[in-house]
Amino acid sequence: MPILEVAELAKSFPGARGRHAALQSISFSVSPRRTLAVVGPSGAGKSTLLRIIAGLEAADSGTVRLGGRALDRLTPQARRIAMVFQDDALIAHATLRANLRFALRARNNAPQRVADAAQALHLSELLDRRADRLSGGERQRAAIARALLSDPDALLLDEPLAHLDPPLRVHVRSELLRVRGGFAGPVIYVTHDHVEAMAIADDLGVLIDGRLEALGNPQTLYDAPSSVRIARFLGSPAMNLLDRMPQGYGFGDVIIGIRPEYVRVVKTGGLPGRVTARQSAGADAFVHIETPAGTLLARVTSGEAIALRGSVGVEFAPERIVRYDRITGGLLA
């Protein structure tokens, strides 16, 4: 299967204060059988990126290649790229079977191919049901099946689970991961959900304000974000950033980054602090603590007895601390 390559893509739109840069010099590649998850806030340019790759919008500059073939002047139909949208875009009055068959480029052995696709997405018993009688999860699984039936060389998914309830999102995501294993081409998965991105990704890209701020291994980017800007965004909740660490703790004049799950709350010792808030999250809880170094968040078990407005100490797992340059915001070795 071919490699999907994006080189120096740029796109701007007219705005109230002149043209707004939606994408700024975006470059990356996705190899066969790998999934690049692109995570970013609303308005970051994620959907615009996918629409340009699919041929639904034209870039101002840059190139998209698939298997070395330039796609920029090809119609969406000629690109052999399938795209799944937030809205499943099924034909409401048609049966699921008809919706799936409509996606087939060639009609040879169509009934069997439709049956196989439905079985892969656990939709076999719904083939004769009208699309408007399907649940949200069933419709999104149908949209994925339809995309795969078009025999694409690459697959784009634009927040396909965004409109589903949380339990259903987990279910459909597991189905997607299972089916993804049988697709040989490159996949780009766009989402604003950090957990979803980490679960889906072989490689993770962070897109903020039209710039690809980071690209790499998902766990590496989570553990040690490459900049303060990424650390403030990636993760839910985000990484603690402490810029007023008192002298005597051995950190020097840097910004300290530590994830909430690696902060330990103790009765005595450590960095002194005062508990200002506590948020329950089921089995866990998040405790807000004011310290001389700044406000931080600690993830604790729900059963830990930590009094609101009480005095505590804060300790960090030393191997989990990252350091950032105070001026540039870049990660320090």
Protein backbone atom coordinates (compact mmCIF):
# COMPACT_ATOMS: atom_id res chain seq x y z
CA MET A 1 0.00 0.00 0.00
CA PRO A 2 1.20 3.58 -0.67
CA ILE A 3 2.56 6.19 1.72
CA LEU A 4 0.48 9.35 2.20
CA GLU A 5 2.68 12.45 2.12
CA VAL A 6 1.73 16.05 2.90
CA ALA A 7 4.29 18.76 2.13
CA GLU A 8 4.14 22.44 3.07
CA LEU A 9 0.34 22.70 2.99
CA ALA A 10 -0.99 26.20 3.61
CA LYS A 11 -4.54 27.55 3.55
CA SER A 12 -6.09 30.86 4.55
CA PHE A 13 -9.62 32.23 4.59
CA PRO A 14 -10.91 35.82 4.53
CA GLY A 15 -11.79 37.25 7.94
CA ALA A 16 -12.85 40.48 9.61
CA ARG A 17 -9.20 41.53 10.03
CA GLY A 18 -7.85 40.27 6.74
CA ARG A 19 -7.04 36.69 5.84
CA HIS A 20 -6.91 34.08 8.58
CA ALA A 21 -4.25 31.37 8.28
CA ALA A 22 -6.07 28.08 8.81
CA LEU A 23 -3.02 25.94 7.98
CA GLN A 24 0.60 27.04 8.05
CA SER A 25 3.25 24.96 6.28
CA ILE A 26 1.99 21.53 7.37
CA SER A 27 4.23 18.56 6.49
CA PHE A 28 4.11 14.90 7.52
CA SER A 29 3.83 11.39 6.12
CA VAL A 30 1.76 8.35 7.12
CA SER A 31 2.97 4.86 6.28
CA PRO A 32 0.76 1.90 5.36
CA ARG A 33 -0.95 0.17 8.31
CA ARG A 34 -0.28 3.15 10.57
CA THR A 35 -2.70 5.64 12.07
CA LEU A 36 -1.78 9.27 12.58
CA ALA A 37 -4.12 10.85 15.13
CA VAL A 38 -4.23 14.64 14.88
CA VAL A 39 -5.50 16.28 18.05
CA GLY A 40 -6.21 19.96 18.51
CA PRO A 41 -8.77 22.43 19.84
CA SER A 42 -11.77 23.64 17.86
CA GLY A 43 -10.67 25.96 15.08
CA ALA A 44 -7.15 24.53 14.92
CA GLY A 45 -7.52 23.56 11.24
CA LYS A 46 -8.04 19.81 11.66
CA SER A 47 -11.06 19.46 9.37
CA THR A 48 -9.55 21.82 6.80
CA LEU A 49 -6.48 19.59 6.67
CA LEU A 50 -8.56 16.49 5.95
CA ARG A 51 -10.73 18.25 3.37
CA ILE A 52 -7.66 19.36 1.44
CA ILE A 53 -6.20 15.85 1.47
CA ALA A 54 -9.54 14.43 0.30
CA GLY A 55 -9.81 17.04 -2.47
CA LEU A 56 -12.88 18.78 -1.06
CA GLU A 57 -10.95 22.03 -0.70
CA ALA A 58 -7.93 23.43 -2.52
CA ALA A 59 -4.77 24.43 -0.69
CA ASP A 60 -3.17 27.82 -1.30
CA SER A 61 0.17 26.05 -1.58
CA GLY A 62 1.76 22.69 -0.86
CA THR A 63 1.38 19.17 -2.17
CA VAL A 64 -0.43 15.95 -1.26
CA ARG A 65 1.01 12.69 -2.60
CA LEU A 66 -0.20 9.12 -2.28
CA GLY A 67 2.28 6.47 -3.31
CA GLY A 68 4.40 9.17 -4.96
CA ARG A 69 1.47 10.34 -7.12
CA ALA A 70 0.57 14.03 -6.80
CA LEU A 71 -3.13 14.41 -5.98
CA ASP A 72 -3.48 18.19 -6.08
CA ARG A 73 -5.18 18.39 -9.48
CA LEU A 74 -7.25 15.22 -9.12
CA THR A 75 -10.95 15.14 -8.27
CA PRO A 76 -11.95 13.60 -4.93
CA GLN A 77 -13.24 10.50 -6.77
CA ALA A 78 -9.88 9.98 -8.52
CA ARG A 79 -7.79 10.19 -5.35
CA ARG A 80 -8.82 6.79 -3.93
CA ILE A 81 -9.15 8.32 -0.47
CA ALA A 82 -12.23 7.67 1.67
CA MET A 83 -13.40 10.08 4.35
CA VAL A 84 -15.75 9.55 7.30
CA PHE A 85 -17.32 12.73 8.66
CA GLN A 86 -18.82 13.71 12.04
CA ASP A 87 -22.20 13.46 10.32
CA ASP A 88 -22.52 9.93 8.90
CA ALA A 89 -24.17 11.29 5.69
CA LEU A 90 -26.18 8.12 5.08
CA ILE A 91 -29.20 8.22 2.76
CA ALA A 92 -31.94 8.34 5.39
CA HIS A 93 -34.78 6.66 3.44
CA ALA A 94 -32.57 3.86 2.03
CA THR A 95 -31.77 0.61 3.78
CA LEU A 96 -28.39 -0.03 5.26
CA ARG A 97 -27.79 -2.59 2.52
CA ALA A 98 -28.48 0.03 -0.17
CA ASN A 99 -26.24 2.57 1.55
CA LEU A 100 -23.36 0.12 1.65
CA ARG A 101 -23.85 -1.07 -1.91
CA PHE A 102 -23.84 2.53 -3.12
CA ALA A 103 -20.20 2.82 -2.01
CA LEU A 104 -18.95 0.02 -4.25
CA ARG A 105 -16.81 1.22 -7.14
CA ALA A 106 -17.28 -2.07 -8.97
CA ARG A 107 -20.44 -4.14 -8.76
CA ASN A 108 -18.77 -7.54 -9.07
CA ASN A 109 -19.73 -9.81 -6.18
CA ALA A 110 -21.50 -6.85 -4.55
CA PRO A 111 -23.86 -8.85 -2.28
CA GLN A 112 -21.01 -10.81 -0.73
CA ARG A 113 -18.85 -7.74 -0.24
CA VAL A 114 -21.70 -5.90 1.45
CA ALA A 115 -22.37 -8.91 3.67
CA ASP A 116 -18.68 -9.16 4.62
CA ALA A 117 -18.45 -5.46 5.47
CA ALA A 118 -21.60 -5.63 7.58
CA GLN A 119 -20.29 -8.66 9.43
CA ALA A 120 -16.97 -6.93 10.14
CA LEU A 121 -18.79 -4.01 11.79
CA HIS A 122 -21.42 -6.18 13.53
CA LEU A 123 -24.23 -4.84 11.31
CA SER A 124 -25.44 -8.03 9.61
CA GLU A 125 -28.82 -8.10 11.35
CA LEU A 126 -29.52 -4.48 10.35
CA LEU A 127 -28.96 -4.67 6.59
CA ASP A 128 -32.65 -4.34 5.74
CA ARG A 129 -33.34 -1.55 8.21
CA ARG A 130 -33.68 2.02 6.95
CA ALA A 131 -30.78 4.30 7.85
CA ASP A 132 -33.04 6.70 9.76
CA ARG A 133 -34.06 3.80 12.04
CA LEU A 134 -30.46 3.10 13.11
CA SER A 135 -28.95 4.33 16.37
CA GLY A 136 -26.10 6.83 16.39
CA GLY A 137 -23.49 4.14 16.96
CA GLU A 138 -24.93 1.93 14.24
CA ARG A 139 -24.93 4.82 11.78
CA GLN A 140 -21.29 5.63 12.45
CA ARG A 141 -20.28 2.00 12.08
CA ALA A 142 -22.22 1.97 8.81
CA ALA A 143 -20.34 5.07 7.64
CA ILE A 144 -17.02 3.34 8.37
CA ALA A 145 -18.14 0.19 6.54
CA ARG A 146 -19.23 2.28 3.56
CA ALA A 147 -15.86 4.04 3.45
CA LEU A 148 -13.97 0.74 3.48
CA LEU A 149 -16.19 -0.70 0.73
CA SER A 150 -15.00 2.03 -1.64
CA ASP A 151 -11.60 0.25 -1.75
CA PRO A 152 -9.60 3.31 -0.67
CA ASP A 153 -5.81 3.49 -0.59
CA ALA A 154 -6.04 5.82 2.43
CA LEU A 155 -8.71 6.54 5.04
CA LEU A 156 -9.53 9.87 6.71
CA LEU A 157 -11.75 10.11 9.79
CA ASP A 158 -12.98 13.54 10.91
CA GLU A 159 -14.11 13.22 14.55
CA PRO A 160 -16.37 10.26 13.69
CA LEU A 161 -17.34 9.68 17.33
CA ALA A 162 -17.92 13.31 18.33
CA HIS A 163 -21.73 13.09 18.49
CA LEU A 164 -21.92 9.81 20.41
CA ASP A 165 -22.56 9.42 24.13
CA PRO A 166 -19.44 8.47 26.16
CA PRO A 167 -20.25 4.74 26.65
CA LEU A 168 -21.11 4.40 22.96
CA ARG A 169 -17.91 6.20 21.98
CA VAL A 170 -15.86 3.58 23.81
CA HIS A 171 -17.76 0.76 22.09
CA VAL A 172 -17.51 2.18 18.57
CA ARG A 173 -13.85 3.08 19.13
CA SER A 174 -13.07 -0.54 19.98
CA GLU A 175 -14.91 -1.65 16.84
CA LEU A 176 -12.93 0.86 14.80
CA LEU A 177 -9.62 -0.37 16.22
CA ARG A 178 -10.55 -3.96 15.43
CA VAL A 179 -11.52 -3.16 11.83
CA ARG A 180 -8.50 -0.88 11.44
CA GLY A 181 -6.28 -3.92 11.83
CA GLY A 182 -7.63 -5.31 8.57
CA PHE A 183 -7.05 -2.15 6.52
CA ALA A 184 -3.65 -2.01 4.85
CA GLY A 185 -3.49 1.69 3.98
CA PRO A 186 -2.52 4.80 5.94
CA VAL A 187 -5.14 6.37 8.23
CA ILE A 188 -5.50 9.93 9.55
CA TYR A 189 -7.84 10.29 12.51
CA VAL A 190 -8.78 13.79 13.64
CA THR A 191 -10.21 14.48 17.11
CA HIS A 192 -10.27 17.06 19.90
CA ASP A 193 -10.44 14.23 22.47
CA HIS A 194 -7.02 13.56 24.04
CA VAL A 195 -7.94 10.11 25.38
CA GLU A 196 -9.35 9.08 22.01
CA ALA A 197 -6.23 10.30 20.20
CA MET A 198 -3.93 8.34 22.52
CA ALA A 199 -6.05 5.19 22.13
CA ILE A 200 -6.18 5.36 18.32
CA ALA A 201 -2.73 6.65 17.40
CA ASP A 202 0.40 4.91 16.19
CA ASP A 203 1.73 8.43 15.73
CA LEU A 204 0.33 11.60 17.29
CA GLY A 205 0.25 15.10 15.84
CA VAL A 206 -0.75 18.21 17.80
CA LEU A 207 -2.31 20.96 15.68
CA ILE A 208 -2.80 24.38 17.28
CA ASP A 209 -3.72 27.59 15.42
CA GLY A 210 -2.97 25.99 12.08
CA ARG A 211 0.53 24.85 13.05
CA LEU A 212 1.68 21.28 13.56
CA GLU A 213 3.28 21.91 16.92
CA ALA A 214 4.44 18.34 17.55
CA LEU A 215 4.56 14.98 15.79
CA GLY A 216 5.80 11.73 17.28
CA ASN A 217 5.18 8.77 19.53
CA PRO A 218 1.97 9.33 21.55
CA GLN A 219 3.39 8.22 24.91
CA THR A 220 6.58 10.23 24.44
CA LEU A 221 4.61 13.38 23.64
CA TYR A 222 2.39 12.79 26.66
CA ASP A 223 5.25 12.10 29.08
CA ALA A 224 7.52 14.88 27.83
CA PRO A 225 5.70 17.46 25.68
CA SER A 226 8.17 19.27 23.44
CA SER A 227 7.15 22.75 24.61
CA VAL A 228 5.18 24.57 27.28
CA ARG A 229 2.54 25.26 24.61
CA ILE A 230 2.03 21.53 24.04
CA ALA A 231 2.15 20.77 27.78
CA ARG A 232 -0.67 23.27 28.40
CA PHE A 233 -2.84 21.56 25.80
CA LEU A 234 -2.09 17.84 25.70
CA GLY A 235 -3.73 15.79 28.40
CA SER A 236 -6.97 15.94 30.33
CA PRO A 237 -6.23 17.47 32.75
CA ALA A 238 -3.15 19.20 31.37
CA MET A 239 0.34 18.96 32.81
CA ASN A 240 1.16 21.06 35.88
CA LEU A 241 3.60 23.87 35.02
CA LEU A 242 5.35 25.48 37.98
CA ASP A 243 7.34 28.64 37.26
CA ARG A 244 8.09 29.89 40.78
CA MET A 245 9.92 26.95 42.30
CA PRO A 246 11.71 28.19 45.47
CA GLN A 247 15.48 28.02 45.70
CA GLY A 248 16.85 25.03 47.50
CA TYR A 249 14.90 22.39 45.58
CA GLY A 250 17.66 21.94 43.01
CA PHE A 251 15.73 22.74 39.85
CA GLY A 252 17.36 26.02 38.86
CA ASP A 253 15.71 28.84 36.93
CA VAL A 254 13.38 26.70 34.79
CA ILE A 255 9.70 25.85 34.46
CA ILE A 256 8.88 22.47 36.02
CA GLY A 257 6.34 20.18 34.36
CA ILE A 258 4.69 17.25 36.16
CA ARG A 259 1.53 15.29 35.35
CA PRO A 260 -1.17 15.23 38.10
CA GLU A 261 -0.87 11.45 38.43
CA TYR A 262 2.79 11.81 39.45
CA VAL A 263 2.11 14.30 42.26
CA ARG A 264 1.99 12.80 45.76
CA VAL A 265 0.16 14.56 48.58
CA VAL A 266 1.74 13.99 52.01
CA LYS A 267 0.99 15.24 55.51
CA THR A 268 4.47 16.61 56.19
CA GLY A 269 7.56 17.37 54.13
CA GLY A 270 7.86 18.21 50.48
CA LEU A 271 6.76 21.47 48.92
CA PRO A 272 4.29 23.15 51.31
CA GLY A 273 0.79 23.81 50.03
CA ARG A 274 -2.85 24.43 50.88
CA VAL A 275 -5.80 22.52 49.43
CA THR A 276 -8.22 24.92 47.71
CA ALA A 277 -10.58 22.53 45.89
CA ARG A 278 -11.32 18.88 45.34
CA GLN A 279 -13.11 17.34 42.33
CA SER A 280 -14.42 13.78 42.40
CA ALA A 281 -13.87 11.65 39.28
CA GLY A 282 -15.24 8.27 40.35
CA ALA A 283 -12.38 6.06 41.52
CA ASP A 284 -10.05 9.07 41.51
CA ALA A 285 -10.22 12.67 42.64
CA PHE A 286 -8.33 15.79 41.61
CA VAL A 287 -7.04 18.06 44.35
CA HIS A 288 -6.14 21.70 43.68
CA ILE A 289 -3.19 22.85 45.76
CA GLU A 290 -1.73 26.36 46.16
CA THR A 291 2.05 26.26 46.60
CA PRO A 292 4.88 28.83 46.54
CA ALA A 293 5.75 27.48 43.07
CA GLY A 294 2.23 28.00 41.70
CA THR A 295 -1.10 26.21 41.69
CA LEU A 296 -1.01 22.52 40.84
CA LEU A 297 -3.36 19.58 40.45
CA ALA A 298 -2.80 16.21 42.11
CA ARG A 299 -4.60 13.02 41.12
CA VAL A 300 -5.41 10.92 44.20
CA THR A 301 -7.67 7.99 45.00
CA SER A 302 -11.20 8.94 45.98
CA GLY A 303 -10.72 7.38 49.41
CA GLU A 304 -7.74 9.52 50.41
CA ALA A 305 -8.61 11.78 53.32
CA ILE A 306 -7.42 15.23 52.23
CA ALA A 307 -9.15 18.08 54.00
CA LEU A 308 -10.33 21.10 52.03
CA ARG A 309 -8.30 24.20 52.98
CA GLY A 310 -5.93 21.97 54.91
CA SER A 311 -2.13 22.27 54.86
CA VAL A 312 -0.30 19.51 52.99
CA GLY A 313 3.06 18.68 51.49
CA VAL A 314 3.62 17.90 47.83
CA GLU A 315 6.19 15.45 46.47
CA PHE A 316 7.02 14.68 42.83
CA ALA A 317 8.15 11.45 41.23
CA PRO A 318 11.64 12.68 40.18
CA GLU A 319 11.83 10.52 37.05
CA ARG A 320 8.58 12.07 35.81
CA ILE A 321 9.66 15.71 36.07
CA VAL A 322 10.32 17.60 32.84
CA ARG A 323 12.00 20.99 32.55
CA TYR A 324 11.29 23.85 30.16
CA ASP A 325 13.34 26.89 29.25
CA ARG A 326 11.78 29.94 30.89
CA ILE A 327 12.36 32.16 27.83
CA THR A 328 11.75 29.89 24.81
CA GLY A 329 9.32 27.45 26.45
CA GLY A 330 11.24 24.56 24.85
CA LEU A 331 11.87 21.20 26.50
CA LEU A 332 15.27 20.92 28.17
CA ALA A 333 17.29 17.72 28.12
